[in-house]
Amino acid sequence: MLTLADIGFDAPTALLARYGLQLVRVADGAAIPGSYWGESEAGLIGERVHARADTPVHSLLHEAAHLIVLPSERRATVHTDATDSVEEEDAVCVLQALLGDALPGVGRERVLADMDVWGYTFRLGSAKAYFEHDAEAAWQWLAQRGLVDPDTRLLQ
């Protein structure tokens, strides 16, 4: 599983800043504020994503994607749990893979593979199969919010 220790904090910090988010580095071994899953998983508080060096990159991207899809007034109220919307969760799973393409040495293939290793479950059996063949509603959801180009399916 690819972690922030493997890629560093600079590129993820710059990526999150493009969306008005801040990446907060948490000391090794310290509890991660706002982490829904605990352990090394990224956490959310307002417009900040908290992570340690051992945080999986896919976790950082997933939590960041939750904030990216929200209007700024809703971001401010987020603490730990970003949504109870199935549609939003599905869209976030697609967006996190696209965000992987924006990080040098990561890419969507690695994000999707790490999602499978982590334990994401999808009807077609893998994150990649979901992304490529079963996520039409998620693609539409993201396009309607101006986050992806509906024709190229790339980040706007």
Foldseek 3Di string as FASTA:
>chain_A
DAFCLNQPDPLVQVLLVVLVAGEAEDEPPDWAFQALVTDQAWHAAQRYIYGYRRHHLLRSQLVSLLLSLDDNVLSNHDGNDSDPDPLSSLLSLLRSQLVQCSGPPGHSVNSFVVCVVVPDQDPVGGSVCCNPPPRVSSLVSCVVSQQADSPVRHGD
